[in-house]
Amino acid sequence: MNPREEGKIRPLLVRFSSADKKASVMDNVKELRSAEDRYKKISLAHDLTPRQREMVKDVRKKAIDELENDSGAVGNFRIIVVGQRTNKPRALRIPR
């Protein structure tokens, strides 16, 4: 497969000159929801190491399993993992 295939959506790695600038951009990500249609498909995420991604995946899976066992109401909650770039990510249950 050609990595420069036409029409293929590819991720873009952006580096900021300071942590403050990155924090400012990440704090305003929610503004994309109310942007023009051509910008609504844009998503931003922190660049995580493979180990960090695995930790986040495990935390999310454990939270979903606990929801299923506790109440069976997985559809009533949204699971958000915070602290992704630390060594202690944790899951939050957000009611829908």
PDB file of N, CA and C in Angstrom:
ATOM      1  N   MET A   1       0.843  -1.181   0.000  1.00  0.00           N
ATOM      2  CA  MET A   1       0.000   0.000   0.000  1.00  0.00           C
ATOM      3  C   MET A   1       0.888   1.244   0.000  1.00  0.00           C
ATOM      4  N   ASN A   2       0.531   2.186  -0.799  1.00  0.00           N
ATOM      5  CA  ASN A   2       1.274   3.430  -0.904  1.00  0.00           C
ATOM      6  C   ASN A   2       0.912   4.352   0.266  1.00  0.00           C
ATOM      7  N   PRO A   3       1.899   4.783   1.069  1.00  0.00           N
ATOM      8  CA  PRO A   3       1.585   5.627   2.218  1.00  0.00           C
ATOM      9  C   PRO A   3       1.044   7.010   1.844  1.00  0.00           C
ATOM     10  N   ARG A   4       1.218   7.418   0.624  1.00  0.00           N
ATOM     11  CA  ARG A   4       0.734   8.735   0.188  1.00  0.00           C
ATOM     12  C   ARG A   4      -0.530   8.608  -0.668  1.00  0.00           C
ATOM     13  N   GLU A   5      -1.322   7.619  -0.397  1.00  0.00           N
ATOM     14  CA  GLU A   5      -2.536   7.349  -1.160  1.00  0.00           C
ATOM     15  C   GLU A   5      -3.500   8.536  -1.102  1.00  0.00           C
ATOM     16  N   GLU A   6      -4.035   8.927  -2.257  1.00  0.00           N
ATOM     17  CA  GLU A   6      -4.965  10.045  -2.344  1.00  0.00           C
ATOM     18  C   GLU A   6      -6.239   9.759  -1.558  1.00  0.00           C
ATOM     19  N   GLY A   7      -6.724  10.759  -0.847  1.00  0.00           N
ATOM     20  CA  GLY A   7      -7.983  10.645  -0.122  1.00  0.00           C
ATOM     21  C   GLY A   7      -7.885   9.932   1.215  1.00  0.00           C
ATOM     22  N   LYS A   8      -6.718   9.425   1.545  1.00  0.00           N
ATOM     23  CA  LYS A   8      -6.561   8.712   2.804  1.00  0.00           C
ATOM     24  C   LYS A   8      -6.344   9.726   3.931  1.00  0.00           C
ATOM     25  N   ILE A   9      -7.059   9.547   5.029  1.00  0.00           N
ATOM     26  CA  ILE A   9      -6.905  10.414   6.180  1.00  0.00           C
ATOM     27  C   ILE A   9      -5.714   9.920   6.985  1.00  0.00           C
ATOM     28  N   ARG A  10      -4.768  10.816   7.229  1.00  0.00           N
ATOM     29  CA  ARG A  10      -3.552  10.430   7.937  1.00  0.00           C
ATOM     30  C   ARG A  10      -3.364  11.315   9.158  1.00  0.00           C
ATOM     31  N   PRO A  11      -2.794  10.757  10.213  1.00  0.00           N
ATOM     32  CA  PRO A  11      -2.536  11.574  11.404  1.00  0.00           C
ATOM     33  C   PRO A  11      -1.393  12.548  11.158  1.00  0.00           C
ATOM     34  N   LEU A  12      -1.415  13.617  11.909  1.00  0.00           N
ATOM     35  CA  LEU A  12      -0.397  14.641  11.804  1.00  0.00           C
ATOM     36  C   LEU A  12       0.147  14.894  13.204  1.00  0.00           C
ATOM     37  N   LEU A  13       1.445  14.798  13.375  1.00  0.00           N
ATOM     38  CA  LEU A  13       2.083  15.046  14.659  1.00  0.00           C
ATOM     39  C   LEU A  13       2.484  16.513  14.719  1.00  0.00           C
ATOM     40  N   VAL A  14       1.987  17.212  15.732  1.00  0.00           N
ATOM     41  CA  VAL A  14       2.276  18.634  15.904  1.00  0.00           C
ATOM     42  C   VAL A  14       3.055  18.804  17.194  1.00  0.00           C
ATOM     43  N   ARG A  15       4.144  19.543  17.131  1.00  0.00           N
ATOM     44  CA  ARG A  15       4.934  19.845  18.322  1.00  0.00           C
ATOM     45  C   ARG A  15       4.822  21.328  18.612  1.00  0.00           C
ATOM     46  N   PHE A  16       4.672  21.639  19.892  1.00  0.00           N
ATOM     47  CA  PHE A  16       4.560  23.022  20.320  1.00  0.00           C
ATOM     48  C   PHE A  16       5.856  23.461  20.969  1.00  0.00           C
ATOM     49  N   SER A  17       6.116  24.752  20.911  1.00  0.00           N
ATOM     50  CA  SER A  17       7.351  25.278  21.486  1.00  0.00           C
ATOM     51  C   SER A  17       7.293  25.339  23.009  1.00  0.00           C
ATOM     52  N   SER A  18       6.091  25.246  23.572  1.00  0.00           N
ATOM     53  CA  SER A  18       5.976  25.251  25.032  1.00  0.00           C
ATOM     54  C   SER A  18       4.779  24.408  25.457  1.00  0.00           C
ATOM     55  N   ALA A  19       4.830  23.929  26.677  1.00  0.00           N
ATOM     56  CA  ALA A  19       3.727  23.142  27.238  1.00  0.00           C
ATOM     57  C   ALA A  19       2.485  24.006  27.403  1.00  0.00           C
ATOM     58  N   ASP A  20       2.667  25.307  27.645  1.00  0.00           N
ATOM     59  CA  ASP A  20       1.524  26.211  27.800  1.00  0.00           C
ATOM     60  C   ASP A  20       0.719  26.326  26.507  1.00  0.00           C
ATOM     61  N   LYS A  21       1.418  26.399  25.378  1.00  0.00           N
ATOM     62  CA  LYS A  21       0.712  26.482  24.092  1.00  0.00           C
ATOM     63  C   LYS A  21      -0.074  25.204  23.813  1.00  0.00           C
ATOM     64  N   LYS A  22       0.543  24.067  24.102  1.00  0.00           N
ATOM     65  CA  LYS A  22      -0.148  22.791  23.907  1.00  0.00           C
ATOM     66  C   LYS A  22      -1.375  22.716  24.806  1.00  0.00           C
ATOM     67  N   ALA A  23      -1.228  23.108  26.062  1.00  0.00           N
ATOM     68  CA  ALA A  23      -2.347  23.083  27.008  1.00  0.00           C
ATOM     69  C   ALA A  23      -3.474  23.977  26.528  1.00  0.00           C
ATOM     70  N   SER A  24      -3.139  25.137  25.982  1.00  0.00           N
ATOM     71  CA  SER A  24      -4.149  26.055  25.467  1.00  0.00           C
ATOM     72  C   SER A  24      -4.929  25.436  24.312  1.00  0.00           C
ATOM     73  N   VAL A  25      -4.222  24.792  23.392  1.00  0.00           N
ATOM     74  CA  VAL A  25      -4.875  24.141  22.253  1.00  0.00           C
ATOM     75  C   VAL A  25      -5.767  22.991  22.742  1.00  0.00           C
ATOM     76  N   MET A  26      -5.234  22.152  23.630  1.00  0.00           N
ATOM     77  CA  MET A  26      -5.998  21.003  24.109  1.00  0.00           C
ATOM     78  C   MET A  26      -7.217  21.439  24.932  1.00  0.00           C
ATOM     79  N   ASP A  27      -7.110  22.565  25.639  1.00  0.00           N
ATOM     80  CA  ASP A  27      -8.250  23.078  26.405  1.00  0.00           C
ATOM     81  C   ASP A  27      -9.375  23.556  25.504  1.00  0.00           C
ATOM     82  N   ASN A  28      -9.047  23.937  24.270  1.00  0.00           N
ATOM     83  CA  ASN A  28     -10.045  24.476  23.350  1.00  0.00           C
ATOM     84  C   ASN A  28     -10.533  23.475  22.305  1.00  0.00           C
ATOM     85  N   VAL A  29     -10.184  22.216  22.463  1.00  0.00           N
ATOM     86  CA  VAL A  29     -10.600  21.195  21.503  1.00  0.00           C
ATOM     87  C   VAL A  29     -12.116  21.138  21.383  1.00  0.00           C
ATOM     88  N   LYS A  30     -12.810  21.336  22.488  1.00  0.00           N
ATOM     89  CA  LYS A  30     -14.272  21.251  22.484  1.00  0.00           C
ATOM     90  C   LYS A  30     -14.914  22.271  21.541  1.00  0.00           C
ATOM     91  N   GLU A  31     -14.192  23.324  21.209  1.00  0.00           N
ATOM     92  CA  GLU A  31     -14.712  24.347  20.304  1.00  0.00           C
ATOM     93  C   GLU A  31     -14.905  23.807  18.882  1.00  0.00           C
ATOM     94  N   LEU A  32     -14.225  22.715  18.544  1.00  0.00           N
ATOM     95  CA  LEU A  32     -14.377  22.126  17.203  1.00  0.00           C
ATOM     96  C   LEU A  32     -15.797  21.611  16.972  1.00  0.00           C
ATOM     97  N   ARG A  33     -16.497  21.263  18.042  1.00  0.00           N
ATOM     98  CA  ARG A  33     -17.877  20.767  17.901  1.00  0.00           C
ATOM     99  C   ARG A  33     -18.801  21.815  17.294  1.00  0.00           C
ATOM    100  N   SER A  34     -18.525  23.075  17.580  1.00  0.00           N
ATOM    101  CA  SER A  34     -19.387  24.139  17.068  1.00  0.00           C
ATOM    102  C   SER A  34     -18.760  24.849  15.859  1.00  0.00           C
ATOM    103  N   ALA A  35     -17.726  24.270  15.288  1.00  0.00           N
ATOM    104  CA  ALA A  35     -17.039  24.870  14.144  1.00  0.00           C
ATOM    105  C   ALA A  35     -17.794  24.560  12.847  1.00  0.00           C
ATOM    106  N   GLU A  36     -17.281  25.103  11.764  1.00  0.00           N
ATOM    107  CA  GLU A  36     -17.840  24.805  10.440  1.00  0.00           C
ATOM    108  C   GLU A  36     -17.759  23.310  10.180  1.00  0.00           C
ATOM    109  N   ASP A  37     -18.607  22.815   9.277  1.00  0.00           N
ATOM    110  CA  ASP A  37     -18.668  21.381   8.983  1.00  0.00           C
ATOM    111  C   ASP A  37     -17.321  20.796   8.577  1.00  0.00           C
ATOM    112  N   ARG A  38     -16.517  21.528   7.836  1.00  0.00           N
ATOM    113  CA  ARG A  38     -15.244  20.977   7.358  1.00  0.00           C
ATOM    114  C   ARG A  38     -14.252  20.740   8.497  1.00  0.00           C
ATOM    115  N   TYR A  39     -14.471  21.344   9.667  1.00  0.00           N
ATOM    116  CA  TYR A  39     -13.571  21.155  10.798  1.00  0.00           C
ATOM    117  C   TYR A  39     -14.104  20.165  11.832  1.00  0.00           C
ATOM    118  N   LYS A  40     -15.352  19.755  11.716  1.00  0.00           N
ATOM    119  CA  LYS A  40     -15.969  18.893  12.726  1.00  0.00           C
ATOM    120  C   LYS A  40     -15.377  17.485  12.761  1.00  0.00           C
ATOM    121  N   LYS A  41     -14.746  17.043  11.699  1.00  0.00           N
ATOM    122  CA  LYS A  41     -14.165  15.702  11.664  1.00  0.00           C
ATOM    123  C   LYS A  41     -12.741  15.667  12.213  1.00  0.00           C
ATOM    124  N   ILE A  42     -12.230  16.805  12.632  1.00  0.00           N
ATOM    125  CA  ILE A  42     -10.878  16.872  13.191  1.00  0.00           C
ATOM    126  C   ILE A  42     -10.920  16.423  14.644  1.00  0.00           C
ATOM    127  N   SER A  43      -9.981  15.579  15.014  1.00  0.00           N
ATOM    128  CA  SER A  43      -9.869  15.181  16.414  1.00  0.00           C
ATOM    129  C   SER A  43      -8.417  15.358  16.849  1.00  0.00           C
ATOM    130  N   LEU A  44      -8.229  15.657  18.124  1.00  0.00           N
ATOM    131  CA  LEU A  44      -6.896  15.854  18.684  1.00  0.00           C
ATOM    132  C   LEU A  44      -6.701  14.890  19.838  1.00  0.00           C
ATOM    133  N   ALA A  45      -5.500  14.380  19.964  1.00  0.00           N
ATOM    134  CA  ALA A  45      -5.180  13.466  21.057  1.00  0.00           C
ATOM    135  C   ALA A  45      -3.707  13.638  21.417  1.00  0.00           C
ATOM    136  N   HIS A  46      -3.394  13.317  22.654  1.00  0.00           N
ATOM    137  CA  HIS A  46      -2.001  13.352  23.082  1.00  0.00           C
ATOM    138  C   HIS A  46      -1.252  12.213  22.392  1.00  0.00           C
ATOM    139  N   ASP A  47       0.011  12.431  22.093  1.00  0.00           N
ATOM    140  CA  ASP A  47       0.852  11.396  21.499  1.00  0.00           C
ATOM    141  C   ASP A  47       1.379  10.528  22.640  1.00  0.00           C
ATOM    142  N   LEU A  48       0.865   9.315  22.750  1.00  0.00           N
ATOM    143  CA  LEU A  48       1.227   8.424  23.847  1.00  0.00           C
ATOM    144  C   LEU A  48       2.226   7.369  23.386  1.00  0.00           C
ATOM    145  N   THR A  49       3.038   6.909  24.313  1.00  0.00           N
ATOM    146  CA  THR A  49       3.957   5.813  24.022  1.00  0.00           C
ATOM    147  C   THR A  49       3.145   4.518  23.960  1.00  0.00           C
ATOM    148  N   PRO A  50       3.688   3.462  23.365  1.00  0.00           N
ATOM    149  CA  PRO A  50       2.967   2.183  23.346  1.00  0.00           C
ATOM    150  C   PRO A  50       2.595   1.704  24.754  1.00  0.00           C
ATOM    151  N   ARG A  51       3.469   1.910  25.718  1.00  0.00           N
ATOM    152  CA  ARG A  51       3.188   1.498  27.097  1.00  0.00           C
ATOM    153  C   ARG A  51       2.014   2.302  27.677  1.00  0.00           C
ATOM    154  N   GLN A  52       1.989   3.604  27.423  1.00  0.00           N
ATOM    155  CA  GLN A  52       0.896   4.443  27.904  1.00  0.00           C
ATOM    156  C   GLN A  52      -0.424   4.045  27.253  1.00  0.00           C
ATOM    157  N   ARG A  53      -0.400   3.765  25.937  1.00  0.00           N
ATOM    158  CA  ARG A  53      -1.619   3.337  25.254  1.00  0.00           C
ATOM    159  C   ARG A  53      -2.152   2.040  25.840  1.00  0.00           C
ATOM    160  N   GLU A  54      -1.256   1.103  26.150  1.00  0.00           N
ATOM    161  CA  GLU A  54      -1.662  -0.175  26.737  1.00  0.00           C
ATOM    162  C   GLU A  54      -2.277   0.033  28.125  1.00  0.00           C
ATOM    163  N   MET A  55      -1.683   0.926  28.917  1.00  0.00           N
ATOM    164  CA  MET A  55      -2.229   1.220  30.242  1.00  0.00           C
ATOM    165  C   MET A  55      -3.631   1.822  30.137  1.00  0.00           C
ATOM    166  N   VAL A  56      -3.822   2.746  29.213  1.00  0.00           N
ATOM    167  CA  VAL A  56      -5.130   3.377  29.013  1.00  0.00           C
ATOM    168  C   VAL A  56      -6.151   2.328  28.580  1.00  0.00           C
ATOM    169  N   LYS A  57      -5.745   1.471  27.673  1.00  0.00           N
ATOM    170  CA  LYS A  57      -6.633   0.414  27.184  1.00  0.00           C
ATOM    171  C   LYS A  57      -7.052  -0.509  28.339  1.00  0.00           C
ATOM    172  N   ASP A  58      -6.105  -0.884  29.187  1.00  0.00           N
ATOM    173  CA  ASP A  58      -6.402  -1.759  30.324  1.00  0.00           C
ATOM    174  C   ASP A  58      -7.342  -1.087  31.325  1.00  0.00           C
ATOM    175  N   VAL A  59      -7.092   0.194  31.624  1.00  0.00           N
ATOM    176  CA  VAL A  59      -7.945   0.924  32.567  1.00  0.00           C
ATOM    177  C   VAL A  59      -9.370   1.026  32.041  1.00  0.00           C
ATOM    178  N   ARG A  60      -9.521   1.336  30.744  1.00  0.00           N
ATOM    179  CA  ARG A  60     -10.855   1.446  30.142  1.00  0.00           C
ATOM    180  C   ARG A  60     -11.577   0.104  30.169  1.00  0.00           C
ATOM    181  N   LYS A  61     -10.866  -0.968  29.815  1.00  0.00           N
ATOM    182  CA  LYS A  61     -11.464  -2.306  29.812  1.00  0.00           C
ATOM    183  C   LYS A  61     -11.919  -2.701  31.212  1.00  0.00           C
ATOM    184  N   LYS A  62     -11.084  -2.434  32.213  1.00  0.00           N
ATOM    185  CA  LYS A  62     -11.435  -2.769  33.600  1.00  0.00           C
ATOM    186  C   LYS A  62     -12.678  -1.991  34.040  1.00  0.00           C
ATOM    187  N   ALA A  63     -12.756  -0.707  33.684  1.00  0.00           N
ATOM    188  CA  ALA A  63     -13.914   0.117  34.060  1.00  0.00           C
ATOM    189  C   ALA A  63     -15.193  -0.401  33.401  1.00  0.00           C
ATOM    190  N   ILE A  64     -15.106  -0.797  32.150  1.00  0.00           N
ATOM    191  CA  ILE A  64     -16.277  -1.338  31.451  1.00  0.00           C
ATOM    192  C   ILE A  64     -16.702  -2.656  32.077  1.00  0.00           C
ATOM    193  N   ASP A  65     -15.742  -3.519  32.394  1.00  0.00           N
ATOM    194  CA  ASP A  65     -16.055  -4.796  33.041  1.00  0.00           C
ATOM    195  C   ASP A  65     -16.728  -4.580  34.395  1.00  0.00           C
ATOM    196  N   GLU A  66     -16.242  -3.606  35.174  1.00  0.00           N
ATOM    197  CA  GLU A  66     -16.842  -3.312  36.477  1.00  0.00           C
ATOM    198  C   GLU A  66     -18.272  -2.814  36.322  1.00  0.00           C
ATOM    199  N   LEU A  67     -18.511  -1.976  35.307  1.00  0.00           N
ATOM    200  CA  LEU A  67     -19.868  -1.493  35.054  1.00  0.00           C
ATOM    201  C   LEU A  67     -20.800  -2.645  34.719  1.00  0.00           C
ATOM    202  N   GLU A  68     -20.328  -3.557  33.875  1.00  0.00           N
ATOM    203  CA  GLU A  68     -21.152  -4.706  33.491  1.00  0.00           C
ATOM    204  C   GLU A  68     -21.480  -5.571  34.697  1.00  0.00           C
ATOM    205  N   ASN A  69     -20.503  -5.780  35.575  1.00  0.00           N
ATOM    206  CA  ASN A  69     -20.717  -6.624  36.742  1.00  0.00           C
ATOM    207  C   ASN A  69     -21.578  -5.941  37.803  1.00  0.00           C
ATOM    208  N   ASP A  70     -21.399  -4.640  37.994  1.00  0.00           N
ATOM    209  CA  ASP A  70     -22.122  -3.917  39.036  1.00  0.00           C
ATOM    210  C   ASP A  70     -23.597  -3.720  38.704  1.00  0.00           C
ATOM    211  N   SER A  71     -23.839  -3.164  37.537  1.00  0.00           N
ATOM    212  CA  SER A  71     -25.221  -2.793  37.244  1.00  0.00           C
ATOM    213  C   SER A  71     -25.711  -3.217  35.873  1.00  0.00           C
ATOM    214  N   GLY A  72     -24.816  -3.608  35.015  1.00  0.00           N
ATOM    215  CA  GLY A  72     -25.216  -3.965  33.661  1.00  0.00           C
ATOM    216  C   GLY A  72     -25.646  -2.756  32.845  1.00  0.00           C
ATOM    217  N   ALA A  73     -25.361  -1.564  33.338  1.00  0.00           N
ATOM    218  CA  ALA A  73     -25.813  -0.339  32.686  1.00  0.00           C
ATOM    219  C   ALA A  73     -24.683   0.344  31.923  1.00  0.00           C
ATOM    220  N   VAL A  74     -23.941  -0.413  31.151  1.00  0.00           N
ATOM    221  CA  VAL A  74     -22.808   0.147  30.407  1.00  0.00           C
ATOM    222  C   VAL A  74     -23.270   1.256  29.474  1.00  0.00           C
ATOM    223  N   GLY A  75     -24.416   1.114  28.853  1.00  0.00           N
ATOM    224  CA  GLY A  75     -24.924   2.106  27.912  1.00  0.00           C
ATOM    225  C   GLY A  75     -25.320   3.414  28.563  1.00  0.00           C
ATOM    226  N   ASN A  76     -25.480   3.424  29.885  1.00  0.00           N
ATOM    227  CA  ASN A  76     -25.890   4.631  30.584  1.00  0.00           C
ATOM    228  C   ASN A  76     -24.722   5.525  30.969  1.00  0.00           C
ATOM    229  N   PHE A  77     -23.497   5.038  30.764  1.00  0.00           N
ATOM    230  CA  PHE A  77     -22.310   5.792  31.143  1.00  0.00           C
ATOM    231  C   PHE A  77     -21.326   5.870  29.989  1.00  0.00           C
ATOM    232  N   ARG A  78     -20.562   6.938  30.004  1.00  0.00           N
ATOM    233  CA  ARG A  78     -19.441   7.095  29.081  1.00  0.00           C
ATOM    234  C   ARG A  78     -18.184   6.999  29.923  1.00  0.00           C
ATOM    235  N   ILE A  79     -17.218   6.213  29.484  1.00  0.00           N
ATOM    236  CA  ILE A  79     -15.974   6.029  30.220  1.00  0.00           C
ATOM    237  C   ILE A  79     -14.912   6.954  29.620  1.00  0.00           C
ATOM    238  N   ILE A  80     -14.325   7.791  30.471  1.00  0.00           N
ATOM    239  CA  ILE A  80     -13.250   8.679  30.054  1.00  0.00           C
ATOM    240  C   ILE A  80     -12.034   8.346  30.906  1.00  0.00           C
ATOM    241  N   VAL A  81     -10.885   8.159  30.263  1.00  0.00           N
ATOM    242  CA  VAL A  81      -9.649   7.879  30.988  1.00  0.00           C
ATOM    243  C   VAL A  81      -8.855   9.175  31.091  1.00  0.00           C
ATOM    244  N   VAL A  82      -8.542   9.569  32.331  1.00  0.00           N
ATOM    245  CA  VAL A  82      -7.761  10.773  32.573  1.00  0.00           C
ATOM    246  C   VAL A  82      -6.394  10.370  33.109  1.00  0.00           C
ATOM    247  N   GLY A  83      -5.456  11.281  33.025  1.00  0.00           N
ATOM    248  CA  GLY A  83      -4.104  10.983  33.477  1.00  0.00           C
ATOM    249  C   GLY A  83      -3.380  10.050  32.531  1.00  0.00           C
ATOM    250  N   GLN A  84      -3.700  10.154  31.258  1.00  0.00           N
ATOM    251  CA  GLN A  84      -3.147   9.235  30.260  1.00  0.00           C
ATOM    252  C   GLN A  84      -1.633   9.328  30.138  1.00  0.00           C
ATOM    253  N   ARG A  85      -1.086  10.497  30.341  1.00  0.00           N
ATOM    254  CA  ARG A  85       0.357  10.662  30.158  1.00  0.00           C
ATOM    255  C   ARG A  85       1.130  10.445  31.446  1.00  0.00           C
ATOM    256  N   THR A  86       0.451  10.031  32.488  1.00  0.00           N
ATOM    257  CA  THR A  86       1.116   9.731  33.755  1.00  0.00           C
ATOM    258  C   THR A  86       1.203   8.220  33.917  1.00  0.00           C
ATOM    259  N   ASN A  87       1.794   7.791  34.985  1.00  0.00           N
ATOM    260  CA  ASN A  87       1.844   6.355  35.253  1.00  0.00           C
ATOM    261  C   ASN A  87       0.639   5.876  36.044  1.00  0.00           C
ATOM    262  N   LYS A  88      -0.345   6.765  36.266  1.00  0.00           N
ATOM    263  CA  LYS A  88      -1.523   6.401  37.041  1.00  0.00           C
ATOM    264  C   LYS A  88      -2.813   6.855  36.355  1.00  0.00           C
ATOM    265  N   PRO A  89      -3.109   6.346  35.166  1.00  0.00           N
ATOM    266  CA  PRO A  89      -4.376   6.730  34.534  1.00  0.00           C
ATOM    267  C   PRO A  89      -5.544   6.148  35.323  1.00  0.00           C
ATOM    268  N   ARG A  90      -6.673   6.863  35.311  1.00  0.00           N
ATOM    269  CA  ARG A  90      -7.868   6.363  35.983  1.00  0.00           C
ATOM    270  C   ARG A  90      -9.084   6.658  35.129  1.00  0.00           C
ATOM    271  N   ALA A  91     -10.108   5.847  35.323  1.00  0.00           N
ATOM    272  CA  ALA A  91     -11.324   5.962  34.523  1.00  0.00           C
ATOM    273  C   ALA A  91     -12.372   6.737  35.297  1.00  0.00           C
ATOM    274  N   LEU A  92     -13.097   7.597  34.576  1.00  0.00           N
ATOM    275  CA  LEU A  92     -14.227   8.324  35.137  1.00  0.00           C
ATOM    276  C   LEU A  92     -15.488   7.842  34.451  1.00  0.00           C
ATOM    277  N   ARG A  93     -16.551   7.659  35.234  1.00  0.00           N
ATOM    278  CA  ARG A  93     -17.858   7.301  34.683  1.00  0.00           C
ATOM    279  C   ARG A  93     -18.661   8.581  34.533  1.00  0.00           C
ATOM    280  N   ILE A  94     -19.032   8.891  33.321  1.00  0.00           N
ATOM    281  CA  ILE A  94     -19.821  10.086  33.042  1.00  0.00           C
ATOM    282  C   ILE A  94     -21.214   9.641  32.615  1.00  0.00           C
ATOM    283  N   PRO A  95     -22.257  10.025  33.362  1.00  0.00           N
ATOM    284  CA  PRO A  95     -23.617   9.645  32.957  1.00  0.00           C
ATOM    285  C   PRO A  95     -23.966  10.262  31.608  1.00  0.00           C
ATOM    286  N   ARG A  96     -24.685   9.516  30.802  1.00  0.00           N
ATOM    287  CA  ARG A  96     -25.113  10.030  29.496  1.00  0.00           C
ATOM    288  C   ARG A  96     -26.371  10.843  29.626  1.00  0.00           C
TER     289      ARG A  96
END
